[in-house]
Amino acid sequence: MLGHDAAQSTVADLHAGSRRALSKCLSLIESTRPDDRSLAYDILEHCSASRDGSWRIGCTGPPGVGKSTFIEQLGMQLLSAGRRVAVLAVDPSSRRTGGSILGDKVRMPLLSTQENAFVRPTPSKATLGGAAPSTRDAITICEEAGFDTIIIETVGVGQSETDVADMTDMFVLLALPNSGDDVQGIKRGIMEVADAIVVTKADVDPAAANRSVATLTGALRYMSHADSDRGTPVLSCSSLSGEGIDEVLRQIESFFDDTRNEHILRRRRHQRGEWFDRAIASELIVRLSGHGAFHAASEAMRRQCIEGTVAPSLAVHRLLGRVQLTVREEPT
């Protein structure tokens, strides 16, 4: 009951606009401690299942493309348009130490100080796909706090950054001028899921930016897209001067105006199913690992794999074959 009351009180503070409550909620859903996880689930239970009126925007691109600077400029434009903006910036974690620099907020000094904006760096915890394990729940928390525009900045490591497309309404891909015909680091897979492509740093070499826009536009003609009726606009901008950001905002507004009633709602239904599948897989791993007998058997199988006496896939098959699941029926 204490956890239930604490969660209810925290959510009430969240609705009242407390940034401390928002930060606390996000820290709880990022935590792996059992007591924190329990409280995080209690908080999520008090949150709305979905807020279909919000805008969820993913932003990715190769290192050095200027994601943070672009998001700050775009965020300021969104604030001027009357939106409330939360930025979830996923920072890469070290595979050796598990640590993260979490420096994205430093690169958004203006946006992070605005009353109607909130910037939260989050460690990726070495998860592939550009997002953090807690990103989906973080979106729910930010929307519950009253933010109607959630921007997710991915780690930015290349063409595998497509997980964020599966948790946002609009996926924006940033590219550098002089990317070349092969569009280094952002090949076919990620371009097919992009809802808009923006060539940044156009002020450095406007001619090169124009060539990249033409190259990308031509490449898109040979690719299929889930929203093929709308197409994928290719724009250019300068995040330092702000030139071209207003056109990017117009494209975003057009996207949500054109697709709100059909495409986005259909995409969110699909995403909730994907979210469930990933959550159940993650939770099963945590619970099985915490079971004493399973943990001992798992370690024994793991030693056999290390010694080369059994193939890892066969070992896992044998191990899980010994697990008996009992599902309790919930009262209707």
C-alpha atoms as a PDB file:
ATOM      1  CA  MET A   1       0.000   0.000   0.000  1.00  0.00           C
ATOM      2  CA  LEU A   2       2.913   2.325   0.774  1.00  0.00           C
ATOM      3  CA  GLY A   3       4.240   1.952  -2.764  1.00  0.00           C
ATOM      4  CA  HIS A   4       0.752   2.553  -4.180  1.00  0.00           C
ATOM      5  CA  ASP A   5       0.351   5.754  -2.111  1.00  0.00           C
ATOM      6  CA  ALA A   6       3.850   6.954  -3.049  1.00  0.00           C
ATOM      7  CA  ALA A   7       3.118   6.377  -6.732  1.00  0.00           C
ATOM      8  CA  GLN A   8      -0.204   8.209  -6.505  1.00  0.00           C
ATOM      9  CA  SER A   9       1.468  11.162  -4.779  1.00  0.00           C
ATOM     10  CA  THR A  10       4.283  11.259  -7.356  1.00  0.00           C
ATOM     11  CA  VAL A  11       1.850  11.210 -10.282  1.00  0.00           C
ATOM     12  CA  ALA A  12      -0.147  14.017  -8.653  1.00  0.00           C
ATOM     13  CA  ASP A  13       3.055  16.081  -8.461  1.00  0.00           C
ATOM     14  CA  LEU A  14       3.736  15.142 -12.082  1.00  0.00           C
ATOM     15  CA  HIS A  15       0.338  16.529 -13.130  1.00  0.00           C
ATOM     16  CA  ALA A  16       1.049  19.692 -11.122  1.00  0.00           C
ATOM     17  CA  GLY A  17       4.109  20.366 -13.256  1.00  0.00           C
ATOM     18  CA  SER A  18       6.836  19.344 -10.814  1.00  0.00           C
ATOM     19  CA  ARG A  19      10.124  18.854 -12.677  1.00  0.00           C
ATOM     20  CA  ARG A  20      11.507  17.081  -9.639  1.00  0.00           C
ATOM     21  CA  ALA A  21       8.693  14.524  -9.854  1.00  0.00           C
ATOM     22  CA  LEU A  22       9.314  14.107 -13.586  1.00  0.00           C
ATOM     23  CA  SER A  23      13.037  13.515 -13.036  1.00  0.00           C
ATOM     24  CA  LYS A  24      12.268  11.076 -10.220  1.00  0.00           C
ATOM     25  CA  CYS A  25       9.862   9.078 -12.412  1.00  0.00           C
ATOM     26  CA  LEU A  26      12.376   8.867 -15.239  1.00  0.00           C
ATOM     27  CA  SER A  27      15.123   7.757 -12.833  1.00  0.00           C
ATOM     28  CA  LEU A  28      12.853   5.030 -11.442  1.00  0.00           C
ATOM     29  CA  ILE A  29      12.022   3.573 -14.852  1.00  0.00           C
ATOM     30  CA  GLU A  30      15.737   3.602 -15.789  1.00  0.00           C
ATOM     31  CA  SER A  31      16.724   1.820 -12.576  1.00  0.00           C
ATOM     32  CA  THR A  32      17.311  -1.929 -12.382  1.00  0.00           C
ATOM     33  CA  ARG A  33      16.854  -2.147  -8.605  1.00  0.00           C
ATOM     34  CA  PRO A  34      13.820  -4.318  -7.690  1.00  0.00           C
ATOM     35  CA  ASP A  35      12.337  -1.742  -5.275  1.00  0.00           C
ATOM     36  CA  ASP A  36      12.689   1.040  -7.849  1.00  0.00           C
ATOM     37  CA  ARG A  37      11.179  -1.156 -10.562  1.00  0.00           C
ATOM     38  CA  SER A  38       8.213  -1.965  -8.323  1.00  0.00           C
ATOM     39  CA  LEU A  39       7.543   1.730  -7.680  1.00  0.00           C
ATOM     40  CA  ALA A  40       8.008   2.497 -11.383  1.00  0.00           C
ATOM     41  CA  TYR A  41       5.307  -0.044 -12.280  1.00  0.00           C
ATOM     42  CA  ASP A  42       2.989   1.507  -9.666  1.00  0.00           C
ATOM     43  CA  ILE A  43       3.555   4.927 -11.265  1.00  0.00           C
ATOM     44  CA  LEU A  44       2.897   3.582 -14.767  1.00  0.00           C
ATOM     45  CA  GLU A  45      -0.335   2.053 -13.476  1.00  0.00           C
ATOM     46  CA  HIS A  46      -1.547   5.569 -12.623  1.00  0.00           C
ATOM     47  CA  CYS A  47      -0.607   6.930 -16.058  1.00  0.00           C
ATOM     48  CA  SER A  48      -2.918   7.058 -19.051  1.00  0.00           C
ATOM     49  CA  ALA A  49      -2.566   4.106 -21.419  1.00  0.00           C
ATOM     50  CA  SER A  50      -2.113   6.407 -24.399  1.00  0.00           C
ATOM     51  CA  ARG A  51      -2.275  10.072 -25.374  1.00  0.00           C
ATOM     52  CA  ASP A  52      -3.076  10.062 -29.059  1.00  0.00           C
ATOM     53  CA  GLY A  53      -2.955  13.852 -29.368  1.00  0.00           C
ATOM     54  CA  SER A  54       0.791  14.120 -28.780  1.00  0.00           C
ATOM     55  CA  TRP A  55       3.585  14.322 -31.349  1.00  0.00           C
ATOM     56  CA  ARG A  56       6.382  11.761 -31.080  1.00  0.00           C
ATOM     57  CA  ILE A  57       9.379  12.603 -33.246  1.00  0.00           C
ATOM     58  CA  GLY A  58      12.531  10.498 -33.615  1.00  0.00           C
ATOM     59  CA  CYS A  59      15.758  12.104 -34.801  1.00  0.00           C
ATOM     60  CA  THR A  60      18.836  10.191 -35.937  1.00  0.00           C
ATOM     61  CA  GLY A  61      21.915  10.553 -38.103  1.00  0.00           C
ATOM     62  CA  PRO A  62      25.637   9.741 -38.215  1.00  0.00           C
ATOM     63  CA  PRO A  63      28.051  11.188 -35.622  1.00  0.00           C
ATOM     64  CA  GLY A  64      28.937  14.810 -36.330  1.00  0.00           C
ATOM     65  CA  VAL A  65      25.734  15.579 -38.221  1.00  0.00           C
ATOM     66  CA  GLY A  66      24.633  18.016 -35.485  1.00  0.00           C
ATOM     67  CA  LYS A  67      21.639  16.253 -33.958  1.00  0.00           C
ATOM     68  CA  SER A  68      21.659  18.181 -30.666  1.00  0.00           C
ATOM     69  CA  THR A  69      22.061  21.576 -32.329  1.00  0.00           C
ATOM     70  CA  PHE A  70      19.302  20.750 -34.814  1.00  0.00           C
ATOM     71  CA  ILE A  71      16.950  19.589 -32.046  1.00  0.00           C
ATOM     72  CA  GLU A  72      17.572  22.750 -30.038  1.00  0.00           C
ATOM     73  CA  GLN A  73      16.683  24.958 -33.017  1.00  0.00           C
ATOM     74  CA  LEU A  74      13.629  22.852 -33.835  1.00  0.00           C
ATOM     75  CA  GLY A  75      12.592  22.770 -30.182  1.00  0.00           C
ATOM     76  CA  MET A  76      12.711  26.564 -29.939  1.00  0.00           C
ATOM     77  CA  GLN A  77      10.522  26.822 -33.051  1.00  0.00           C
ATOM     78  CA  LEU A  78       8.065  24.354 -31.560  1.00  0.00           C
ATOM     79  CA  LEU A  79       7.921  26.369 -28.331  1.00  0.00           C
ATOM     80  CA  SER A  80       7.178  29.513 -30.352  1.00  0.00           C
ATOM     81  CA  ALA A  81       4.309  27.600 -31.971  1.00  0.00           C
ATOM     82  CA  GLY A  82       2.823  26.935 -28.519  1.00  0.00           C
ATOM     83  CA  ARG A  83       4.026  23.346 -28.040  1.00  0.00           C
ATOM     84  CA  ARG A  84       5.514  21.873 -24.842  1.00  0.00           C
ATOM     85  CA  VAL A  85       8.685  19.979 -25.744  1.00  0.00           C
ATOM     86  CA  ALA A  86      10.442  17.106 -23.980  1.00  0.00           C
ATOM     87  CA  VAL A  87      13.719  15.801 -25.413  1.00  0.00           C
ATOM     88  CA  LEU A  88      14.922  12.302 -24.554  1.00  0.00           C
ATOM     89  CA  ALA A  89      18.566  12.234 -25.657  1.00  0.00           C
ATOM     90  CA  VAL A  90      19.992   8.709 -25.688  1.00  0.00           C
ATOM     91  CA  ASP A  91      23.711   8.718 -24.927  1.00  0.00           C
ATOM     92  CA  PRO A  92      26.032   5.794 -25.763  1.00  0.00           C
ATOM     93  CA  SER A  93      27.159   3.619 -22.862  1.00  0.00           C
ATOM     94  CA  SER A  94      30.545   1.994 -22.559  1.00  0.00           C
ATOM     95  CA  ARG A  95      30.473  -1.763 -23.078  1.00  0.00           C
ATOM     96  CA  ARG A  96      33.416  -2.071 -20.677  1.00  0.00           C
ATOM     97  CA  THR A  97      32.294   0.107 -17.743  1.00  0.00           C
ATOM     98  CA  GLY A  98      28.604   0.702 -18.484  1.00  0.00           C
ATOM     99  CA  GLY A  99      29.120   4.441 -17.962  1.00  0.00           C
ATOM    100  CA  SER A 100      27.776   7.304 -20.103  1.00  0.00           C
ATOM    101  CA  ILE A 101      28.899  10.909 -20.455  1.00  0.00           C
ATOM    102  CA  LEU A 102      25.287  12.198 -20.691  1.00  0.00           C
ATOM    103  CA  GLY A 103      26.472  15.440 -22.284  1.00  0.00           C
ATOM    104  CA  ASP A 104      23.615  16.069 -24.723  1.00  0.00           C
ATOM    105  CA  LYS A 105      21.957  18.577 -22.396  1.00  0.00           C
ATOM    106  CA  VAL A 106      25.120  20.714 -22.471  1.00  0.00           C
ATOM    107  CA  ARG A 107      24.713  21.028 -26.251  1.00  0.00           C
ATOM    108  CA  MET A 108      21.164  22.382 -25.782  1.00  0.00           C
ATOM    109  CA  PRO A 109      21.870  25.273 -23.380  1.00  0.00           C
ATOM    110  CA  LEU A 110      19.037  27.479 -24.603  1.00  0.00           C
ATOM    111  CA  LEU A 111      16.302  24.869 -24.931  1.00  0.00           C
ATOM    112  CA  SER A 112      17.069  23.220 -21.589  1.00  0.00           C
ATOM    113  CA  THR A 113      16.388  26.476 -19.704  1.00  0.00           C
ATOM    114  CA  GLN A 114      12.959  27.140 -21.228  1.00  0.00           C
ATOM    115  CA  GLU A 115       9.888  26.864 -19.000  1.00  0.00           C
ATOM    116  CA  ASN A 116       7.948  24.670 -21.435  1.00  0.00           C
ATOM    117  CA  ALA A 117      10.864  22.428 -22.357  1.00  0.00           C
ATOM    118  CA  PHE A 118      12.563  19.502 -20.639  1.00  0.00           C
ATOM    119  CA  VAL A 119      15.795  17.811 -21.753  1.00  0.00           C
ATOM    120  CA  ARG A 120      16.736  14.408 -20.334  1.00  0.00           C
ATOM    121  CA  PRO A 121      19.955  12.549 -21.285  1.00  0.00           C
ATOM    122  CA  THR A 122      19.535   8.778 -20.936  1.00  0.00           C
ATOM    123  CA  PRO A 123      22.196   6.037 -21.062  1.00  0.00           C
ATOM    124  CA  SER A 124      21.707   3.500 -23.844  1.00  0.00           C
ATOM    125  CA  LYS A 125      23.066   0.708 -21.606  1.00  0.00           C
ATOM    126  CA  ALA A 126      24.748  -0.731 -24.712  1.00  0.00           C
ATOM    127  CA  THR A 127      21.380  -1.485 -26.297  1.00  0.00           C
ATOM    128  CA  LEU A 128      21.449  -1.613 -30.096  1.00  0.00           C
ATOM    129  CA  GLY A 129      18.916   0.254 -32.219  1.00  0.00           C
ATOM    130  CA  GLY A 130      19.594   3.798 -31.018  1.00  0.00           C
ATOM    131  CA  ALA A 131      17.209   3.865 -28.043  1.00  0.00           C
ATOM    132  CA  ALA A 132      17.479   2.956 -24.373  1.00  0.00           C
ATOM    133  CA  PRO A 133      15.529   0.093 -22.753  1.00  0.00           C
ATOM    134  CA  SER A 134      13.429   2.632 -20.830  1.00  0.00           C
ATOM    135  CA  THR A 135      12.681   5.011 -23.724  1.00  0.00           C
ATOM    136  CA  ARG A 136       9.112   3.817 -24.352  1.00  0.00           C
ATOM    137  CA  ASP A 137       8.130   4.228 -20.706  1.00  0.00           C
ATOM    138  CA  ALA A 138       9.907   7.606 -20.643  1.00  0.00           C
ATOM    139  CA  ILE A 139       7.626   8.771 -23.473  1.00  0.00           C
ATOM    140  CA  THR A 140       4.577   7.797 -21.401  1.00  0.00           C
ATOM    141  CA  ILE A 141       5.905   9.669 -18.356  1.00  0.00           C
ATOM    142  CA  CYS A 142       6.679  12.849 -20.328  1.00  0.00           C
ATOM    143  CA  GLU A 143       3.226  12.842 -21.918  1.00  0.00           C
ATOM    144  CA  GLU A 144       1.664  12.330 -18.495  1.00  0.00           C
ATOM    145  CA  ALA A 145       3.583  15.422 -17.342  1.00  0.00           C
ATOM    146  CA  GLY A 146       1.814  17.463 -20.024  1.00  0.00           C
ATOM    147  CA  PHE A 147       4.425  17.574 -22.776  1.00  0.00           C
ATOM    148  CA  ASP A 148       2.668  17.330 -26.136  1.00  0.00           C
ATOM    149  CA  THR A 149       5.833  16.967 -28.241  1.00  0.00           C
ATOM    150  CA  ILE A 150       8.400  14.288 -27.448  1.00  0.00           C
ATOM    151  CA  ILE A 151      11.662  14.333 -29.423  1.00  0.00           C
ATOM    152  CA  ILE A 152      13.965  11.323 -29.154  1.00  0.00           C
ATOM    153  CA  GLU A 153      17.594  11.824 -30.136  1.00  0.00           C
ATOM    154  CA  THR A 154      19.229   8.476 -30.907  1.00  0.00           C
ATOM    155  CA  VAL A 155      22.767   7.412 -30.098  1.00  0.00           C
ATOM    156  CA  GLY A 156      23.737   8.023 -33.712  1.00  0.00           C
ATOM    157  CA  VAL A 157      25.948   5.152 -34.772  1.00  0.00           C
ATOM    158  CA  GLY A 158      24.786   4.328 -38.281  1.00  0.00           C
ATOM    159  CA  GLN A 159      22.195   2.445 -40.289  1.00  0.00           C
ATOM    160  CA  SER A 160      20.911   0.219 -37.435  1.00  0.00           C
ATOM    161  CA  GLU A 161      19.198   3.163 -35.754  1.00  0.00           C
ATOM    162  CA  THR A 162      15.698   2.016 -36.658  1.00  0.00           C
ATOM    163  CA  ASP A 163      14.278   1.075 -33.246  1.00  0.00           C
ATOM    164  CA  VAL A 164      13.264   4.691 -32.629  1.00  0.00           C
ATOM    165  CA  ALA A 165      11.100   4.543 -35.761  1.00  0.00           C
ATOM    166  CA  ASP A 166       9.115   1.826 -33.958  1.00  0.00           C
ATOM    167  CA  MET A 167       8.279   4.098 -31.024  1.00  0.00           C
ATOM    168  CA  THR A 168       7.625   7.446 -32.718  1.00  0.00           C
ATOM    169  CA  ASP A 169       5.085   8.913 -35.136  1.00  0.00           C
ATOM    170  CA  MET A 170       7.602  10.699 -37.358  1.00  0.00           C
ATOM    171  CA  PHE A 171      11.180   9.597 -37.946  1.00  0.00           C
ATOM    172  CA  VAL A 172      13.603  12.308 -39.136  1.00  0.00           C
ATOM    173  CA  LEU A 173      16.956  11.331 -40.623  1.00  0.00           C
ATOM    174  CA  LEU A 174      19.764  13.904 -40.645  1.00  0.00           C
ATOM    175  CA  ALA A 175      22.494  13.725 -43.292  1.00  0.00           C
ATOM    176  CA  LEU A 176      25.692  15.652 -43.944  1.00  0.00           C
ATOM    177  CA  PRO A 177      26.511  17.568 -47.138  1.00  0.00           C
ATOM    178  CA  ASN A 178      28.800  15.667 -49.498  1.00  0.00           C
ATOM    179  CA  SER A 179      27.417  12.367 -48.245  1.00  0.00           C
ATOM    180  CA  GLY A 180      28.175  10.930 -51.657  1.00  0.00           C
ATOM    181  CA  ASP A 181      26.225   8.618 -53.901  1.00  0.00           C
ATOM    182  CA  ASP A 182      26.427   5.778 -51.371  1.00  0.00           C
ATOM    183  CA  VAL A 183      25.110   8.010 -48.530  1.00  0.00           C
ATOM    184  CA  GLN A 184      27.678   6.750 -46.027  1.00  0.00           C
ATOM    185  CA  GLY A 185      26.303   5.301 -42.804  1.00  0.00           C
ATOM    186  CA  ILE A 186      22.639   5.755 -43.715  1.00  0.00           C
ATOM    187  CA  LYS A 187      21.996   3.132 -46.350  1.00  0.00           C
ATOM    188  CA  ARG A 188      18.764   1.654 -47.620  1.00  0.00           C
ATOM    189  CA  GLY A 189      17.441   0.159 -44.351  1.00  0.00           C
ATOM    190  CA  ILE A 190      17.226   3.399 -42.414  1.00  0.00           C
ATOM    191  CA  MET A 191      16.214   5.554 -45.389  1.00  0.00           C
ATOM    192  CA  GLU A 192      13.186   3.356 -46.011  1.00  0.00           C
ATOM    193  CA  VAL A 193      11.753   4.149 -42.582  1.00  0.00           C
ATOM    194  CA  ALA A 194      12.515   7.886 -42.639  1.00  0.00           C
ATOM    195  CA  ASP A 195       9.488  10.198 -42.856  1.00  0.00           C
ATOM    196  CA  ALA A 196      11.723  13.178 -43.675  1.00  0.00           C
ATOM    197  CA  ILE A 197      15.422  13.660 -44.456  1.00  0.00           C
ATOM    198  CA  VAL A 198      17.224  16.872 -43.522  1.00  0.00           C
ATOM    199  CA  VAL A 199      20.689  17.797 -44.815  1.00  0.00           C
ATOM    200  CA  THR A 200      22.334  19.819 -42.054  1.00  0.00           C
ATOM    201  CA  LYS A 201      25.194  22.366 -42.031  1.00  0.00           C
ATOM    202  CA  ALA A 202      23.988  23.873 -45.300  1.00  0.00           C
ATOM    203  CA  ASP A 203      25.710  27.148 -44.356  1.00  0.00           C
ATOM    204  CA  VAL A 204      29.151  25.527 -44.609  1.00  0.00           C
ATOM    205  CA  ASP A 205      28.779  24.651 -48.305  1.00  0.00           C
ATOM    206  CA  PRO A 206      25.361  25.512 -49.807  1.00  0.00           C
ATOM    207  CA  ALA A 207      26.255  23.930 -53.159  1.00  0.00           C
ATOM    208  CA  ALA A 208      27.231  20.636 -51.507  1.00  0.00           C
ATOM    209  CA  ALA A 209      24.005  20.688 -49.473  1.00  0.00           C
ATOM    210  CA  ASN A 210      21.953  21.177 -52.645  1.00  0.00           C
ATOM    211  CA  ARG A 211      23.762  18.295 -54.316  1.00  0.00           C
ATOM    212  CA  SER A 212      23.056  16.045 -51.330  1.00  0.00           C
ATOM    213  CA  VAL A 213      19.373  16.982 -51.415  1.00  0.00           C
ATOM    214  CA  ALA A 214      19.247  16.053 -55.107  1.00  0.00           C
ATOM    215  CA  THR A 215      21.155  12.793 -54.528  1.00  0.00           C
ATOM    216  CA  LEU A 216      18.917  11.713 -51.659  1.00  0.00           C
ATOM    217  CA  THR A 217      15.762  12.664 -53.521  1.00  0.00           C
ATOM    218  CA  GLY A 218      16.890  10.541 -56.451  1.00  0.00           C
ATOM    219  CA  ALA A 219      17.796   7.584 -54.229  1.00  0.00           C
ATOM    220  CA  LEU A 220      14.374   7.631 -52.571  1.00  0.00           C
ATOM    221  CA  ARG A 221      12.690   7.004 -55.923  1.00  0.00           C
ATOM    222  CA  TYR A 222      14.041   3.452 -55.829  1.00  0.00           C
ATOM    223  CA  MET A 223      12.914   2.716 -52.293  1.00  0.00           C
ATOM    224  CA  SER A 224       9.567   1.726 -50.850  1.00  0.00           C
ATOM    225  CA  HIS A 225       8.099   3.375 -47.767  1.00  0.00           C
ATOM    226  CA  ALA A 226       5.265   2.376 -45.451  1.00  0.00           C
ATOM    227  CA  ASP A 227       3.559   5.720 -46.124  1.00  0.00           C
ATOM    228  CA  SER A 228       4.114   5.651 -49.871  1.00  0.00           C
ATOM    229  CA  ASP A 229       1.187   7.991 -50.624  1.00  0.00           C
ATOM    230  CA  ARG A 230       2.864  10.886 -48.859  1.00  0.00           C
ATOM    231  CA  GLY A 231       6.468  10.383 -49.906  1.00  0.00           C
ATOM    232  CA  THR A 232       9.592  11.464 -48.025  1.00  0.00           C
ATOM    233  CA  PRO A 233      10.532  15.161 -48.268  1.00  0.00           C
ATOM    234  CA  VAL A 234      14.245  16.027 -48.409  1.00  0.00           C
ATOM    235  CA  LEU A 235      15.214  19.425 -46.995  1.00  0.00           C
ATOM    236  CA  SER A 236      18.345  21.322 -46.032  1.00  0.00           C
ATOM    237  CA  CYS A 237      19.015  23.669 -43.132  1.00  0.00           C
ATOM    238  CA  SER A 238      21.617  25.370 -40.982  1.00  0.00           C
ATOM    239  CA  SER A 239      21.127  24.602 -37.302  1.00  0.00           C
ATOM    240  CA  LEU A 240      23.523  27.398 -36.305  1.00  0.00           C
ATOM    241  CA  SER A 241      21.799  30.221 -38.179  1.00  0.00           C
ATOM    242  CA  GLY A 242      18.332  28.668 -38.088  1.00  0.00           C
ATOM    243  CA  GLU A 243      17.929  28.996 -41.848  1.00  0.00           C
ATOM    244  CA  GLY A 244      15.601  26.297 -43.170  1.00  0.00           C
ATOM    245  CA  ILE A 245      14.324  25.219 -39.737  1.00  0.00           C
ATOM    246  CA  ASP A 246      10.986  26.942 -40.363  1.00  0.00           C
ATOM    247  CA  GLU A 247      10.479  24.770 -43.467  1.00  0.00           C
ATOM    248  CA  VAL A 248      11.301  21.671 -41.429  1.00  0.00           C
ATOM    249  CA  LEU A 249       8.647  22.719 -38.910  1.00  0.00           C
ATOM    250  CA  ARG A 250       6.119  23.222 -41.724  1.00  0.00           C
ATOM    251  CA  GLN A 251       6.806  19.709 -42.962  1.00  0.00           C
ATOM    252  CA  ILE A 252       6.318  18.320 -39.445  1.00  0.00           C
ATOM    253  CA  GLU A 253       3.037  20.190 -39.041  1.00  0.00           C
ATOM    254  CA  SER A 254       1.915  18.960 -42.457  1.00  0.00           C
ATOM    255  CA  PHE A 255       2.827  15.389 -41.531  1.00  0.00           C
ATOM    256  CA  PHE A 256       0.702  15.422 -38.392  1.00  0.00           C
ATOM    257  CA  ASP A 257      -2.181  17.258 -40.070  1.00  0.00           C
ATOM    258  CA  ASP A 258      -2.242  14.836 -43.002  1.00  0.00           C
ATOM    259  CA  THR A 259      -1.856  11.594 -41.103  1.00  0.00           C
ATOM    260  CA  ARG A 260      -3.310  12.093 -37.627  1.00  0.00           C
ATOM    261  CA  ASN A 261      -6.579  10.207 -38.204  1.00  0.00           C
ATOM    262  CA  GLU A 262      -5.216   7.158 -40.001  1.00  0.00           C
ATOM    263  CA  HIS A 263      -1.503   6.535 -40.417  1.00  0.00           C
ATOM    264  CA  ILE A 264      -0.323   7.605 -36.959  1.00  0.00           C
ATOM    265  CA  LEU A 265      -3.092   5.852 -35.044  1.00  0.00           C
ATOM    266  CA  ARG A 266      -2.468   2.669 -37.058  1.00  0.00           C
ATOM    267  CA  ARG A 267       1.274   2.975 -36.421  1.00  0.00           C
ATOM    268  CA  ARG A 268       0.756   3.430 -32.680  1.00  0.00           C
ATOM    269  CA  ARG A 269      -1.426   0.331 -32.442  1.00  0.00           C
ATOM    270  CA  HIS A 270       1.312  -1.669 -34.149  1.00  0.00           C
ATOM    271  CA  GLN A 271       3.953  -0.128 -31.878  1.00  0.00           C
ATOM    272  CA  ARG A 272       2.040  -1.062 -28.719  1.00  0.00           C
ATOM    273  CA  GLY A 273       2.025  -4.684 -29.872  1.00  0.00           C
ATOM    274  CA  GLU A 274       5.778  -4.552 -30.554  1.00  0.00           C
ATOM    275  CA  TRP A 275       6.299  -2.895 -27.182  1.00  0.00           C
ATOM    276  CA  PHE A 276       4.443  -5.731 -25.438  1.00  0.00           C
ATOM    277  CA  ASP A 277       6.536  -8.381 -27.209  1.00  0.00           C
ATOM    278  CA  ARG A 278       9.813  -6.723 -26.181  1.00  0.00           C
ATOM    279  CA  ALA A 279       8.666  -6.044 -22.631  1.00  0.00           C
ATOM    280  CA  ILE A 280       7.610  -9.641 -22.035  1.00  0.00           C
ATOM    281  CA  ALA A 281      10.922 -10.955 -23.385  1.00  0.00           C
ATOM    282  CA  SER A 282      12.889  -8.571 -21.151  1.00  0.00           C
ATOM    283  CA  GLU A 283      10.807  -9.336 -18.056  1.00  0.00           C
ATOM    284  CA  LEU A 284      11.105 -13.096 -18.576  1.00  0.00           C
ATOM    285  CA  ILE A 285      14.886 -12.826 -18.689  1.00  0.00           C
ATOM    286  CA  VAL A 286      14.929 -10.795 -15.450  1.00  0.00           C
ATOM    287  CA  ARG A 287      12.610 -13.191 -13.611  1.00  0.00           C
ATOM    288  CA  LEU A 288      14.334 -16.348 -14.797  1.00  0.00           C
ATOM    289  CA  SER A 289      17.744 -14.955 -13.892  1.00  0.00           C
ATOM    290  CA  GLY A 290      16.486 -14.201 -10.391  1.00  0.00           C
ATOM    291  CA  HIS A 291      15.292 -17.781  -9.825  1.00  0.00           C
ATOM    292  CA  GLY A 292      17.917 -19.667  -7.811  1.00  0.00           C
ATOM    293  CA  ALA A 293      17.549 -23.111  -9.406  1.00  0.00           C
ATOM    294  CA  PHE A 294      17.391 -21.675 -12.922  1.00  0.00           C
ATOM    295  CA  HIS A 295      20.425 -19.487 -12.295  1.00  0.00           C
ATOM    296  CA  ALA A 296      22.474 -22.488 -11.112  1.00  0.00           C
ATOM    297  CA  ALA A 297      21.418 -24.589 -14.110  1.00  0.00           C
ATOM    298  CA  SER A 298      22.126 -21.677 -16.428  1.00  0.00           C
ATOM    299  CA  GLU A 299      25.647 -21.226 -15.058  1.00  0.00           C
ATOM    300  CA  ALA A 300      26.323 -24.959 -15.462  1.00  0.00           C
ATOM    301  CA  MET A 301      25.175 -24.851 -19.099  1.00  0.00           C
ATOM    302  CA  ARG A 302      27.203 -21.714 -19.700  1.00  0.00           C
ATOM    303  CA  ARG A 303      30.377 -23.443 -18.479  1.00  0.00           C
ATOM    304  CA  GLN A 304      29.721 -26.297 -20.895  1.00  0.00           C
ATOM    305  CA  CYS A 305      29.414 -23.769 -23.741  1.00  0.00           C
ATOM    306  CA  ILE A 306      32.662 -22.063 -22.735  1.00  0.00           C
ATOM    307  CA  GLU A 307      34.452 -25.414 -22.614  1.00  0.00           C
ATOM    308  CA  GLY A 308      33.102 -26.278 -26.071  1.00  0.00           C
ATOM    309  CA  THR A 309      31.236 -29.418 -25.037  1.00  0.00           C
ATOM    310  CA  VAL A 310      27.869 -28.145 -26.266  1.00  0.00           C
ATOM    311  CA  ALA A 311      26.718 -25.547 -28.793  1.00  0.00           C
ATOM    312  CA  PRO A 312      25.198 -22.422 -27.138  1.00  0.00           C
ATOM    313  CA  SER A 313      21.911 -22.674 -29.066  1.00  0.00           C
ATOM    314  CA  LEU A 314      21.520 -26.336 -28.054  1.00  0.00           C
ATOM    315  CA  ALA A 315      22.379 -25.483 -24.443  1.00  0.00           C
ATOM    316  CA  VAL A 316      19.687 -22.811 -24.307  1.00  0.00           C
ATOM    317  CA  HIS A 317      17.179 -25.209 -25.889  1.00  0.00           C
ATOM    318  CA  ARG A 318      17.943 -27.836 -23.250  1.00  0.00           C
ATOM    319  CA  LEU A 319      17.870 -25.317 -20.407  1.00  0.00           C
ATOM    320  CA  LEU A 320      14.515 -23.808 -21.331  1.00  0.00           C
ATOM    321  CA  GLY A 321      13.117 -27.276 -21.905  1.00  0.00           C
ATOM    322  CA  ARG A 322      13.476 -27.813 -18.149  1.00  0.00           C
ATOM    323  CA  VAL A 323      11.430 -24.715 -17.302  1.00  0.00           C
ATOM    324  CA  GLN A 324       7.784 -25.223 -16.374  1.00  0.00           C
ATOM    325  CA  LEU A 325       5.611 -22.140 -16.498  1.00  0.00           C
ATOM    326  CA  THR A 326       2.449 -21.842 -14.437  1.00  0.00           C
ATOM    327  CA  VAL A 327       0.136 -19.051 -15.524  1.00  0.00           C
ATOM    328  CA  ARG A 328      -2.416 -17.864 -12.988  1.00  0.00           C
ATOM    329  CA  GLU A 329      -5.679 -16.666 -14.455  1.00  0.00           C
ATOM    330  CA  GLU A 330      -6.551 -13.129 -13.474  1.00  0.00           C
ATOM    331  CA  PRO A 331     -10.133 -12.487 -12.290  1.00  0.00           C
ATOM    332  CA  THR A 332     -12.236 -10.892 -15.023  1.00  0.00           C
END
